[in-house]
Amino acid sequence: MGDDKVRGRVTRFVSATARASKVPKQPPLIPEGMLEHIESKLDVKEAPFLPHLARVRVIWLEIEADRLGNTHFEIPPHELEMRKRQHLPPGPVTIGIHPILADDSMLFAHTLVHELLHAAGLTEHNAKHADLVQEIAPSPKLSESPLLREIRDQALGQQEVKDWVCTHCGFIWNRTTVRAPSRCPKCARPFR
């Protein structure tokens, strides 16, 4: 029951938490042109709440929130699905964004687009949803996001392996990635 090996690798989960120091006084703003960009990529058949997207309220979540964003429809799920089928308004919709994203504009935009697509009626996390988010507001690279770098550093700090050792040439180098390298930087042989 306690087998933590997958394909010969030991799996160990780490927890990383990034904390916001405070909730900003001003509510988050939807960047100019973002709603129009979303509306240009969708139609009412696939996103039945698209005409009501401008009425969505955007707020900051509490500092202790465990997600970067969420979309809250104030009606029960079965009624939400019925309204989607009948192309009725969704009622009040609130998007909550974690305050830590106030200092990371690219991750803020990526998260907000993700939640706005939910508010438009694309409530499933499928390939269409992921492709649209990536097209409208691509996820930032590690080098572009201070928040992602902070989370990576926390995860690396919790790892037991601090250095990589090549079994072919014996070269040792400091661990700077969460994932194991594919090749040795010295001899270029596959890393095992």
N, C-alpha and C. Protein backbone atom coordinates (compact mmCIF):
# COMPACT_ATOMS: atom_id res chain seq x y z
N MET A 1 0.81 -1.19 0.00
CA MET A 1 0.00 0.00 0.00
C MET A 1 0.86 1.26 0.00
N GLY A 2 2.04 1.21 0.60
CA GLY A 2 2.89 2.39 0.69
C GLY A 2 3.87 2.51 -0.45
N ASP A 3 3.56 1.98 -1.63
CA ASP A 3 4.49 2.04 -2.76
C ASP A 3 4.45 3.43 -3.38
N ASP A 4 5.53 4.23 -3.18
CA ASP A 4 5.54 5.56 -3.77
C ASP A 4 6.42 5.64 -5.01
N LYS A 5 6.56 4.55 -5.72
CA LYS A 5 7.39 4.59 -6.93
C LYS A 5 6.49 4.53 -8.16
N VAL A 6 6.81 5.38 -9.12
CA VAL A 6 6.12 5.39 -10.40
C VAL A 6 7.20 5.33 -11.46
N ARG A 7 7.15 4.30 -12.29
CA ARG A 7 8.15 4.08 -13.34
C ARG A 7 9.57 4.15 -12.79
N GLY A 8 9.77 3.56 -11.61
CA GLY A 8 11.11 3.50 -11.04
C GLY A 8 11.54 4.78 -10.33
N ARG A 9 10.71 5.80 -10.34
CA ARG A 9 11.06 7.06 -9.69
C ARG A 9 10.28 7.21 -8.40
N VAL A 10 10.92 7.75 -7.42
CA VAL A 10 10.24 8.01 -6.16
C VAL A 10 9.41 9.27 -6.33
N THR A 11 8.13 9.16 -6.00
CA THR A 11 7.27 10.35 -6.07
C THR A 11 7.13 10.91 -4.67
N ARG A 12 7.30 12.19 -4.56
CA ARG A 12 7.16 12.86 -3.28
C ARG A 12 6.53 14.21 -3.56
N PHE A 13 5.40 14.44 -2.91
CA PHE A 13 4.71 15.69 -3.13
C PHE A 13 5.23 16.74 -2.17
N VAL A 14 5.35 17.94 -2.64
CA VAL A 14 5.77 19.05 -1.80
C VAL A 14 4.64 20.07 -1.79
N SER A 15 4.60 20.84 -0.73
CA SER A 15 3.61 21.90 -0.70
C SER A 15 4.33 23.23 -0.69
N ALA A 16 3.85 24.11 -1.51
CA ALA A 16 4.43 25.44 -1.58
C ALA A 16 3.31 26.45 -1.45
N THR A 17 3.54 27.46 -0.66
CA THR A 17 2.52 28.47 -0.46
C THR A 17 3.12 29.84 -0.67
N ALA A 18 2.46 30.61 -1.47
CA ALA A 18 2.87 32.00 -1.65
C ALA A 18 1.83 32.84 -0.93
N ARG A 19 2.26 33.75 -0.15
CA ARG A 19 1.35 34.55 0.67
C ARG A 19 1.36 36.01 0.22
N ALA A 20 0.16 36.56 0.16
CA ALA A 20 0.04 37.99 -0.10
C ALA A 20 0.16 38.70 1.24
N SER A 21 0.75 39.86 1.23
CA SER A 21 0.90 40.59 2.49
C SER A 21 -0.40 41.30 2.88
N LYS A 22 -1.17 41.74 1.88
CA LYS A 22 -2.44 42.40 2.17
C LYS A 22 -3.33 42.35 0.94
N VAL A 23 -4.62 42.58 1.18
CA VAL A 23 -5.58 42.65 0.09
C VAL A 23 -5.60 44.10 -0.40
N PRO A 24 -5.41 44.33 -1.71
CA PRO A 24 -5.44 45.70 -2.22
C PRO A 24 -6.79 46.38 -1.94
N LYS A 25 -6.75 47.68 -1.75
CA LYS A 25 -7.97 48.44 -1.45
C LYS A 25 -8.91 48.50 -2.66
N GLN A 26 -8.34 48.66 -3.85
CA GLN A 26 -9.14 48.74 -5.07
C GLN A 26 -9.44 47.34 -5.60
N PRO A 27 -10.66 47.09 -6.08
CA PRO A 27 -10.96 45.77 -6.65
C PRO A 27 -10.14 45.55 -7.92
N PRO A 28 -9.94 44.29 -8.29
CA PRO A 28 -9.18 44.02 -9.52
C PRO A 28 -9.94 44.55 -10.74
N LEU A 29 -9.21 45.05 -11.70
CA LEU A 29 -9.82 45.58 -12.91
C LEU A 29 -9.58 44.63 -14.07
N ILE A 30 -10.59 44.48 -14.90
CA ILE A 30 -10.43 43.68 -16.12
C ILE A 30 -9.66 44.55 -17.12
N PRO A 31 -8.51 44.08 -17.59
CA PRO A 31 -7.71 44.89 -18.52
C PRO A 31 -8.52 45.28 -19.77
N GLU A 32 -8.24 46.46 -20.26
CA GLU A 32 -8.95 46.98 -21.42
C GLU A 32 -8.77 46.05 -22.62
N GLY A 33 -9.85 45.74 -23.28
CA GLY A 33 -9.83 44.90 -24.46
C GLY A 33 -9.94 43.41 -24.19
N MET A 34 -9.83 42.99 -22.92
CA MET A 34 -9.86 41.56 -22.61
C MET A 34 -11.24 40.95 -22.91
N LEU A 35 -12.31 41.64 -22.51
CA LEU A 35 -13.66 41.11 -22.77
C LEU A 35 -13.92 41.03 -24.27
N GLU A 36 -13.50 42.05 -25.01
CA GLU A 36 -13.70 42.05 -26.47
C GLU A 36 -12.92 40.90 -27.12
N HIS A 37 -11.71 40.66 -26.62
CA HIS A 37 -10.89 39.57 -27.16
C HIS A 37 -11.58 38.22 -26.92
N ILE A 38 -12.12 38.03 -25.72
CA ILE A 38 -12.84 36.79 -25.41
C ILE A 38 -14.07 36.67 -26.30
N GLU A 39 -14.83 37.76 -26.44
CA GLU A 39 -16.05 37.74 -27.27
C GLU A 39 -15.74 37.44 -28.73
N SER A 40 -14.58 37.86 -29.21
CA SER A 40 -14.22 37.61 -30.61
C SER A 40 -13.85 36.14 -30.85
N LYS A 41 -13.47 35.42 -29.81
CA LYS A 41 -13.05 34.03 -29.95
C LYS A 41 -14.19 33.03 -29.72
N LEU A 42 -15.32 33.50 -29.19
CA LEU A 42 -16.42 32.60 -28.83
C LEU A 42 -17.71 33.03 -29.51
N ASP A 43 -18.66 32.11 -29.55
CA ASP A 43 -20.01 32.47 -29.94
C ASP A 43 -20.99 31.99 -28.87
N VAL A 44 -22.23 32.42 -28.97
CA VAL A 44 -23.23 32.14 -27.93
C VAL A 44 -23.57 30.65 -27.86
N LYS A 45 -23.36 29.91 -28.95
CA LYS A 45 -23.65 28.47 -28.90
C LYS A 45 -22.73 27.75 -27.92
N GLU A 46 -21.44 28.06 -27.97
CA GLU A 46 -20.50 27.37 -27.08
C GLU A 46 -20.36 28.05 -25.72
N ALA A 47 -20.66 29.34 -25.66
CA ALA A 47 -20.57 30.09 -24.40
C ALA A 47 -21.88 30.87 -24.21
N PRO A 48 -22.91 30.20 -23.68
CA PRO A 48 -24.24 30.81 -23.62
C PRO A 48 -24.36 32.07 -22.75
N PHE A 49 -23.42 32.27 -21.83
CA PHE A 49 -23.50 33.45 -20.96
C PHE A 49 -22.63 34.60 -21.48
N LEU A 50 -22.12 34.47 -22.68
CA LEU A 50 -21.24 35.48 -23.27
C LEU A 50 -21.86 36.89 -23.28
N PRO A 51 -23.15 37.04 -23.63
CA PRO A 51 -23.73 38.39 -23.64
C PRO A 51 -23.78 39.05 -22.25
N HIS A 52 -23.65 38.27 -21.20
CA HIS A 52 -23.76 38.78 -19.83
C HIS A 52 -22.39 38.95 -19.16
N LEU A 53 -21.33 38.77 -19.91
CA LEU A 53 -19.97 38.78 -19.35
C LEU A 53 -19.59 40.14 -18.75
N ALA A 54 -20.10 41.21 -19.33
CA ALA A 54 -19.75 42.56 -18.83
C ALA A 54 -20.32 42.82 -17.44
N ARG A 55 -21.31 42.03 -17.01
CA ARG A 55 -21.92 42.25 -15.69
C ARG A 55 -21.24 41.46 -14.58
N VAL A 56 -20.22 40.70 -14.91
CA VAL A 56 -19.51 39.89 -13.91
C VAL A 56 -18.79 40.81 -12.93
N ARG A 57 -18.89 40.48 -11.66
CA ARG A 57 -18.21 41.26 -10.61
C ARG A 57 -16.88 40.57 -10.30
N VAL A 58 -15.80 41.34 -10.21
CA VAL A 58 -14.47 40.79 -9.90
C VAL A 58 -14.03 41.35 -8.55
N ILE A 59 -13.65 40.44 -7.64
CA ILE A 59 -13.22 40.83 -6.30
C ILE A 59 -11.90 40.14 -5.95
N TRP A 60 -11.28 40.60 -4.88
CA TRP A 60 -10.09 39.92 -4.35
C TRP A 60 -10.55 38.85 -3.37
N LEU A 61 -9.94 37.69 -3.41
CA LEU A 61 -10.19 36.64 -2.42
C LEU A 61 -9.47 37.02 -1.13
N GLU A 62 -9.73 36.26 -0.08
CA GLU A 62 -9.03 36.47 1.18
C GLU A 62 -7.57 36.03 1.03
N ILE A 63 -6.70 36.54 1.87
CA ILE A 63 -5.27 36.20 1.82
C ILE A 63 -5.06 34.70 2.01
N GLU A 64 -5.89 34.07 2.83
CA GLU A 64 -5.72 32.65 3.15
C GLU A 64 -6.25 31.72 2.06
N ALA A 65 -6.85 32.25 1.00
CA ALA A 65 -7.43 31.41 -0.05
C ALA A 65 -6.38 30.46 -0.61
N ASP A 66 -6.82 29.25 -0.96
CA ASP A 66 -5.89 28.24 -1.45
C ASP A 66 -5.91 28.09 -2.97
N ARG A 67 -6.54 29.00 -3.68
CA ARG A 67 -6.54 28.98 -5.14
C ARG A 67 -6.24 30.36 -5.69
N LEU A 68 -5.81 30.39 -6.92
CA LEU A 68 -5.50 31.68 -7.53
C LEU A 68 -6.75 32.40 -7.99
N GLY A 69 -7.79 31.67 -8.30
CA GLY A 69 -9.04 32.29 -8.73
C GLY A 69 -10.19 31.31 -8.67
N ASN A 70 -11.41 31.85 -8.60
CA ASN A 70 -12.59 31.00 -8.70
C ASN A 70 -13.76 31.81 -9.24
N THR A 71 -14.71 31.10 -9.83
CA THR A 71 -15.91 31.72 -10.38
C THR A 71 -17.09 31.19 -9.60
N HIS A 72 -17.90 32.11 -9.08
CA HIS A 72 -19.03 31.72 -8.24
C HIS A 72 -20.34 32.16 -8.89
N PHE A 73 -21.15 31.18 -9.28
CA PHE A 73 -22.51 31.45 -9.75
C PHE A 73 -23.41 31.33 -8.53
N GLU A 74 -24.32 32.27 -8.35
CA GLU A 74 -25.15 32.27 -7.16
C GLU A 74 -26.42 31.44 -7.33
N ILE A 75 -26.41 30.52 -8.26
CA ILE A 75 -27.54 29.60 -8.44
C ILE A 75 -27.01 28.18 -8.34
N PRO A 76 -27.87 27.22 -8.00
CA PRO A 76 -27.43 25.82 -7.89
C PRO A 76 -26.94 25.28 -9.24
N PRO A 77 -26.05 24.29 -9.22
CA PRO A 77 -25.48 23.74 -10.47
C PRO A 77 -26.52 23.23 -11.46
N HIS A 78 -27.58 22.57 -10.96
CA HIS A 78 -28.58 22.04 -11.90
C HIS A 78 -29.32 23.18 -12.61
N GLU A 79 -29.58 24.28 -11.90
CA GLU A 79 -30.22 25.43 -12.53
C GLU A 79 -29.27 26.12 -13.51
N LEU A 80 -27.99 26.14 -13.18
CA LEU A 80 -26.99 26.72 -14.07
C LEU A 80 -26.98 25.98 -15.41
N GLU A 81 -26.99 24.65 -15.35
CA GLU A 81 -26.99 23.85 -16.58
C GLU A 81 -28.27 24.07 -17.38
N MET A 82 -29.40 24.21 -16.68
CA MET A 82 -30.67 24.46 -17.37
C MET A 82 -30.61 25.82 -18.08
N ARG A 83 -30.07 26.83 -17.40
CA ARG A 83 -29.97 28.17 -17.99
C ARG A 83 -29.01 28.16 -19.19
N LYS A 84 -27.96 27.36 -19.12
CA LYS A 84 -27.05 27.24 -20.27
C LYS A 84 -27.79 26.66 -21.47
N ARG A 85 -28.55 25.60 -21.24
CA ARG A 85 -29.28 24.96 -22.34
C ARG A 85 -30.33 25.89 -22.95
N GLN A 86 -30.99 26.68 -22.10
CA GLN A 86 -32.07 27.54 -22.57
C GLN A 86 -31.61 28.97 -22.90
N HIS A 87 -30.31 29.20 -22.82
CA HIS A 87 -29.72 30.52 -23.12
C HIS A 87 -30.36 31.63 -22.30
N LEU A 88 -30.55 31.37 -21.02
CA LEU A 88 -31.07 32.37 -20.09
C LEU A 88 -29.90 33.03 -19.37
N PRO A 89 -30.10 34.20 -18.77
CA PRO A 89 -29.01 34.85 -18.03
C PRO A 89 -28.55 33.99 -16.85
N PRO A 90 -27.27 34.07 -16.49
CA PRO A 90 -26.75 33.23 -15.41
C PRO A 90 -27.03 33.75 -14.01
N GLY A 91 -27.62 34.94 -13.90
CA GLY A 91 -27.79 35.53 -12.58
C GLY A 91 -26.48 36.16 -12.15
N PRO A 92 -26.38 36.56 -10.87
CA PRO A 92 -25.14 37.19 -10.40
C PRO A 92 -23.95 36.23 -10.45
N VAL A 93 -22.85 36.72 -11.00
CA VAL A 93 -21.62 35.93 -11.10
C VAL A 93 -20.48 36.75 -10.49
N THR A 94 -19.71 36.11 -9.61
CA THR A 94 -18.58 36.79 -8.98
C THR A 94 -17.31 35.99 -9.25
N ILE A 95 -16.29 36.69 -9.71
CA ILE A 95 -14.98 36.07 -9.90
C ILE A 95 -14.08 36.57 -8.78
N GLY A 96 -13.47 35.63 -8.08
CA GLY A 96 -12.52 35.98 -7.02
C GLY A 96 -11.11 35.72 -7.50
N ILE A 97 -10.23 36.67 -7.31
CA ILE A 97 -8.82 36.56 -7.71
C ILE A 97 -7.97 36.70 -6.45
N HIS A 98 -6.97 35.83 -6.31
CA HIS A 98 -6.10 35.88 -5.13
C HIS A 98 -5.28 37.18 -5.15
N PRO A 99 -5.18 37.87 -4.01
CA PRO A 99 -4.46 39.15 -3.98
C PRO A 99 -2.97 39.05 -4.31
N ILE A 100 -2.40 37.87 -4.24
CA ILE A 100 -0.97 37.73 -4.58
C ILE A 100 -0.73 38.01 -6.07
N LEU A 101 -1.79 37.91 -6.87
CA LEU A 101 -1.66 38.16 -8.30
C LEU A 101 -1.61 39.65 -8.63
N ALA A 102 -1.84 40.50 -7.65
CA ALA A 102 -1.79 41.95 -7.89
C ALA A 102 -0.40 42.39 -8.36
N ASP A 103 0.63 41.65 -7.99
CA ASP A 103 2.00 42.01 -8.35
C ASP A 103 2.57 41.18 -9.50
N ASP A 104 1.74 40.36 -10.14
CA ASP A 104 2.20 39.50 -11.23
C ASP A 104 1.21 39.63 -12.38
N SER A 105 1.41 40.63 -13.23
CA SER A 105 0.41 40.98 -14.24
C SER A 105 0.12 39.85 -15.24
N MET A 106 1.14 39.10 -15.64
CA MET A 106 0.91 38.03 -16.62
C MET A 106 0.09 36.89 -16.02
N LEU A 107 0.43 36.47 -14.80
CA LEU A 107 -0.32 35.40 -14.16
C LEU A 107 -1.72 35.89 -13.78
N PHE A 108 -1.86 37.18 -13.45
CA PHE A 108 -3.17 37.77 -13.18
C PHE A 108 -4.05 37.66 -14.42
N ALA A 109 -3.53 38.09 -15.58
CA ALA A 109 -4.30 38.04 -16.83
C ALA A 109 -4.67 36.61 -17.20
N HIS A 110 -3.73 35.69 -17.05
CA HIS A 110 -3.97 34.28 -17.36
C HIS A 110 -5.09 33.72 -16.48
N THR A 111 -5.01 33.99 -15.19
CA THR A 111 -6.02 33.49 -14.24
C THR A 111 -7.37 34.14 -14.51
N LEU A 112 -7.38 35.44 -14.78
CA LEU A 112 -8.64 36.15 -15.02
C LEU A 112 -9.33 35.64 -16.28
N VAL A 113 -8.58 35.41 -17.35
CA VAL A 113 -9.18 34.87 -18.58
C VAL A 113 -9.76 33.49 -18.30
N HIS A 114 -9.03 32.67 -17.56
CA HIS A 114 -9.52 31.33 -17.19
C HIS A 114 -10.89 31.45 -16.51
N GLU A 115 -11.00 32.36 -15.55
CA GLU A 115 -12.25 32.52 -14.80
C GLU A 115 -13.33 33.18 -15.65
N LEU A 116 -12.97 34.12 -16.51
CA LEU A 116 -13.97 34.76 -17.37
C LEU A 116 -14.57 33.76 -18.36
N LEU A 117 -13.78 32.80 -18.82
CA LEU A 117 -14.33 31.76 -19.70
C LEU A 117 -15.35 30.91 -18.95
N HIS A 118 -15.08 30.62 -17.67
CA HIS A 118 -16.07 29.92 -16.86
C HIS A 118 -17.34 30.76 -16.76
N ALA A 119 -17.19 32.05 -16.49
CA ALA A 119 -18.34 32.95 -16.35
C ALA A 119 -19.13 33.06 -17.66
N ALA A 120 -18.47 32.87 -18.81
CA ALA A 120 -19.14 32.92 -20.10
C ALA A 120 -19.92 31.64 -20.39
N GLY A 121 -19.71 30.61 -19.57
CA GLY A 121 -20.45 29.37 -19.76
C GLY A 121 -19.59 28.17 -20.10
N LEU A 122 -18.29 28.36 -20.30
CA LEU A 122 -17.38 27.23 -20.53
C LEU A 122 -16.94 26.72 -19.16
N THR A 123 -17.81 25.96 -18.51
CA THR A 123 -17.54 25.56 -17.13
C THR A 123 -16.66 24.32 -17.02
N GLU A 124 -16.48 23.60 -18.10
CA GLU A 124 -15.64 22.39 -18.08
C GLU A 124 -14.18 22.75 -18.31
N HIS A 125 -13.28 22.03 -17.64
CA HIS A 125 -11.84 22.17 -17.90
C HIS A 125 -11.47 21.17 -18.99
N ASN A 126 -11.64 21.57 -20.24
CA ASN A 126 -11.32 20.67 -21.35
C ASN A 126 -10.28 21.32 -22.26
N ALA A 127 -9.97 20.66 -23.36
CA ALA A 127 -8.94 21.16 -24.27
C ALA A 127 -9.34 22.50 -24.89
N LYS A 128 -10.60 22.67 -25.21
CA LYS A 128 -11.08 23.94 -25.79
C LYS A 128 -10.83 25.08 -24.81
N HIS A 129 -11.18 24.87 -23.55
CA HIS A 129 -10.98 25.88 -22.51
C HIS A 129 -9.49 26.22 -22.37
N ALA A 130 -8.66 25.20 -22.27
CA ALA A 130 -7.22 25.40 -22.11
C ALA A 130 -6.61 26.13 -23.31
N ASP A 131 -7.03 25.75 -24.52
CA ASP A 131 -6.51 26.39 -25.73
C ASP A 131 -6.89 27.87 -25.80
N LEU A 132 -8.14 28.18 -25.42
CA LEU A 132 -8.58 29.57 -25.44
C LEU A 132 -7.81 30.42 -24.43
N VAL A 133 -7.63 29.88 -23.23
CA VAL A 133 -6.87 30.61 -22.21
C VAL A 133 -5.45 30.87 -22.71
N GLN A 134 -4.83 29.86 -23.28
CA GLN A 134 -3.45 29.98 -23.77
C GLN A 134 -3.36 30.98 -24.92
N GLU A 135 -4.40 31.04 -25.75
CA GLU A 135 -4.40 31.95 -26.90
C GLU A 135 -4.64 33.41 -26.47
N ILE A 136 -5.56 33.62 -25.53
CA ILE A 136 -5.93 34.98 -25.12
C ILE A 136 -4.91 35.57 -24.15
N ALA A 137 -4.52 34.80 -23.15
CA ALA A 137 -3.55 35.27 -22.15
C ALA A 137 -2.64 34.11 -21.78
N PRO A 138 -1.58 33.89 -22.55
CA PRO A 138 -0.70 32.74 -22.31
C PRO A 138 -0.13 32.72 -20.90
N SER A 139 0.06 31.51 -20.40
CA SER A 139 0.66 31.40 -19.06
C SER A 139 2.10 31.89 -19.13
N PRO A 140 2.52 32.61 -18.10
CA PRO A 140 3.88 33.16 -18.14
C PRO A 140 4.94 32.07 -18.00
N LYS A 141 6.10 32.35 -18.56
CA LYS A 141 7.24 31.46 -18.35
C LYS A 141 7.74 31.69 -16.93
N LEU A 142 8.50 30.76 -16.43
CA LEU A 142 9.06 30.88 -15.09
C LEU A 142 9.86 32.17 -14.95
N SER A 143 10.58 32.53 -15.99
CA SER A 143 11.41 33.74 -15.93
C SER A 143 10.58 35.02 -15.91
N GLU A 144 9.31 34.94 -16.32
CA GLU A 144 8.45 36.12 -16.39
C GLU A 144 7.56 36.31 -15.17
N SER A 145 7.55 35.33 -14.27
CA SER A 145 6.62 35.38 -13.15
C SER A 145 7.34 35.26 -11.81
N PRO A 146 7.36 36.35 -11.04
CA PRO A 146 8.00 36.27 -9.71
C PRO A 146 7.29 35.28 -8.79
N LEU A 147 5.99 35.14 -8.93
CA LEU A 147 5.23 34.21 -8.09
C LEU A 147 5.61 32.76 -8.40
N LEU A 148 5.70 32.42 -9.68
CA LEU A 148 6.08 31.05 -10.04
C LEU A 148 7.50 30.73 -9.58
N ARG A 149 8.40 31.71 -9.67
CA ARG A 149 9.77 31.50 -9.19
C ARG A 149 9.79 31.27 -7.69
N GLU A 150 8.99 32.01 -6.96
CA GLU A 150 8.93 31.84 -5.50
C GLU A 150 8.42 30.45 -5.13
N ILE A 151 7.39 29.99 -5.83
CA ILE A 151 6.84 28.66 -5.56
C ILE A 151 7.86 27.58 -5.91
N ARG A 152 8.58 27.76 -7.04
CA ARG A 152 9.62 26.80 -7.43
C ARG A 152 10.71 26.73 -6.37
N ASP A 153 11.14 27.88 -5.88
CA ASP A 153 12.19 27.92 -4.86
C ASP A 153 11.75 27.22 -3.57
N GLN A 154 10.48 27.40 -3.20
CA GLN A 154 9.96 26.71 -2.01
C GLN A 154 9.96 25.20 -2.23
N ALA A 155 9.52 24.77 -3.41
CA ALA A 155 9.48 23.34 -3.71
C ALA A 155 10.88 22.75 -3.71
N LEU A 156 11.86 23.46 -4.29
CA LEU A 156 13.24 22.97 -4.30
C LEU A 156 13.80 22.88 -2.89
N GLY A 157 13.45 23.81 -2.04
CA GLY A 157 13.93 23.81 -0.66
C GLY A 157 13.45 22.61 0.13
N GLN A 158 12.31 22.03 -0.28
CA GLN A 158 11.76 20.88 0.43
C GLN A 158 12.26 19.54 -0.12
N GLN A 159 12.94 19.55 -1.25
CA GLN A 159 13.42 18.31 -1.85
C GLN A 159 14.59 17.74 -1.08
N GLU A 160 14.67 16.42 -1.04
CA GLU A 160 15.78 15.74 -0.36
C GLU A 160 17.05 15.79 -1.21
N VAL A 161 16.90 15.71 -2.52
CA VAL A 161 18.05 15.73 -3.42
C VAL A 161 18.42 17.18 -3.71
N LYS A 162 19.61 17.59 -3.28
CA LYS A 162 20.07 18.97 -3.48
C LYS A 162 21.01 19.10 -4.69
N ASP A 163 21.63 18.00 -5.10
CA ASP A 163 22.56 17.98 -6.22
C ASP A 163 22.20 16.82 -7.15
N TRP A 164 22.55 16.96 -8.43
CA TRP A 164 22.43 15.87 -9.39
C TRP A 164 23.82 15.29 -9.61
N VAL A 165 23.90 13.96 -9.72
CA VAL A 165 25.17 13.28 -9.96
C VAL A 165 25.01 12.40 -11.20
N CYS A 166 25.87 12.62 -12.19
CA CYS A 166 25.84 11.83 -13.42
C CYS A 166 26.46 10.46 -13.13
N THR A 167 25.75 9.40 -13.47
CA THR A 167 26.27 8.04 -13.23
C THR A 167 27.32 7.65 -14.27
N HIS A 168 27.41 8.39 -15.38
CA HIS A 168 28.38 8.08 -16.43
C HIS A 168 29.75 8.70 -16.14
N CYS A 169 29.77 10.02 -15.89
CA CYS A 169 31.06 10.70 -15.74
C CYS A 169 31.33 11.18 -14.31
N GLY A 170 30.33 11.07 -13.43
CA GLY A 170 30.51 11.47 -12.04
C GLY A 170 30.38 12.97 -11.78
N PHE A 171 29.99 13.74 -12.80
CA PHE A 171 29.85 15.19 -12.64
C PHE A 171 28.72 15.50 -11.66
N ILE A 172 28.93 16.47 -10.78
CA ILE A 172 27.93 16.88 -9.78
C ILE A 172 27.57 18.34 -10.03
N TRP A 173 26.27 18.64 -10.09
CA TRP A 173 25.84 20.03 -10.24
C TRP A 173 24.64 20.30 -9.35
N ASN A 174 24.49 21.58 -8.96
CA ASN A 174 23.41 21.99 -8.06
C ASN A 174 22.05 21.83 -8.72
N ARG A 175 21.09 21.43 -7.93
CA ARG A 175 19.73 21.28 -8.42
C ARG A 175 19.07 22.66 -8.51
N THR A 176 18.59 23.01 -9.69
CA THR A 176 17.88 24.29 -9.87
C THR A 176 16.51 24.09 -10.48
N THR A 177 16.14 22.84 -10.78
CA THR A 177 14.82 22.54 -11.35
C THR A 177 14.12 21.50 -10.49
N VAL A 178 12.80 21.52 -10.55
CA VAL A 178 12.02 20.54 -9.80
C VAL A 178 12.11 19.18 -10.50
N ARG A 179 12.07 19.21 -11.83
CA ARG A 179 12.15 17.98 -12.62
C ARG A 179 13.59 17.52 -12.79
N ALA A 180 13.76 16.21 -12.88
CA ALA A 180 15.11 15.66 -13.11
C ALA A 180 15.58 16.05 -14.51
N PRO A 181 16.87 16.30 -14.68
CA PRO A 181 17.38 16.66 -16.01
C PRO A 181 17.32 15.47 -16.96
N SER A 182 17.28 15.76 -18.25
CA SER A 182 17.26 14.67 -19.23
C SER A 182 18.67 14.24 -19.62
N ARG A 183 19.64 15.17 -19.53
CA ARG A 183 21.03 14.88 -19.90
C ARG A 183 21.99 15.53 -18.92
N CYS A 184 23.18 14.95 -18.86
CA CYS A 184 24.26 15.53 -18.05
C CYS A 184 24.80 16.75 -18.80
N PRO A 185 24.99 17.90 -18.13
CA PRO A 185 25.51 19.07 -18.82
C PRO A 185 26.98 18.95 -19.23
N LYS A 186 27.70 17.97 -18.67
CA LYS A 186 29.12 17.82 -19.00
C LYS A 186 29.33 16.80 -20.13
N CYS A 187 28.81 15.57 -19.95
CA CYS A 187 29.06 14.53 -20.95
C CYS A 187 27.91 14.35 -21.94
N ALA A 188 26.77 15.00 -21.70
CA ALA A 188 25.60 14.98 -22.58
C ALA A 188 24.94 13.62 -22.73
N ARG A 189 25.30 12.68 -21.88
CA ARG A 189 24.62 11.37 -21.92
C ARG A 189 23.29 11.47 -21.17
N PRO A 190 22.36 10.57 -21.49
CA PRO A 190 21.06 10.60 -20.79
C PRO A 190 21.26 10.45 -19.27
N PHE A 191 20.52 11.25 -18.52
CA PHE A 191 20.65 11.23 -17.07
C PHE A 191 19.80 10.12 -16.49
N ARG A 192 20.41 9.35 -15.54
CA ARG A 192 19.66 8.30 -14.84
C ARG A 192 19.82 8.50 -13.36
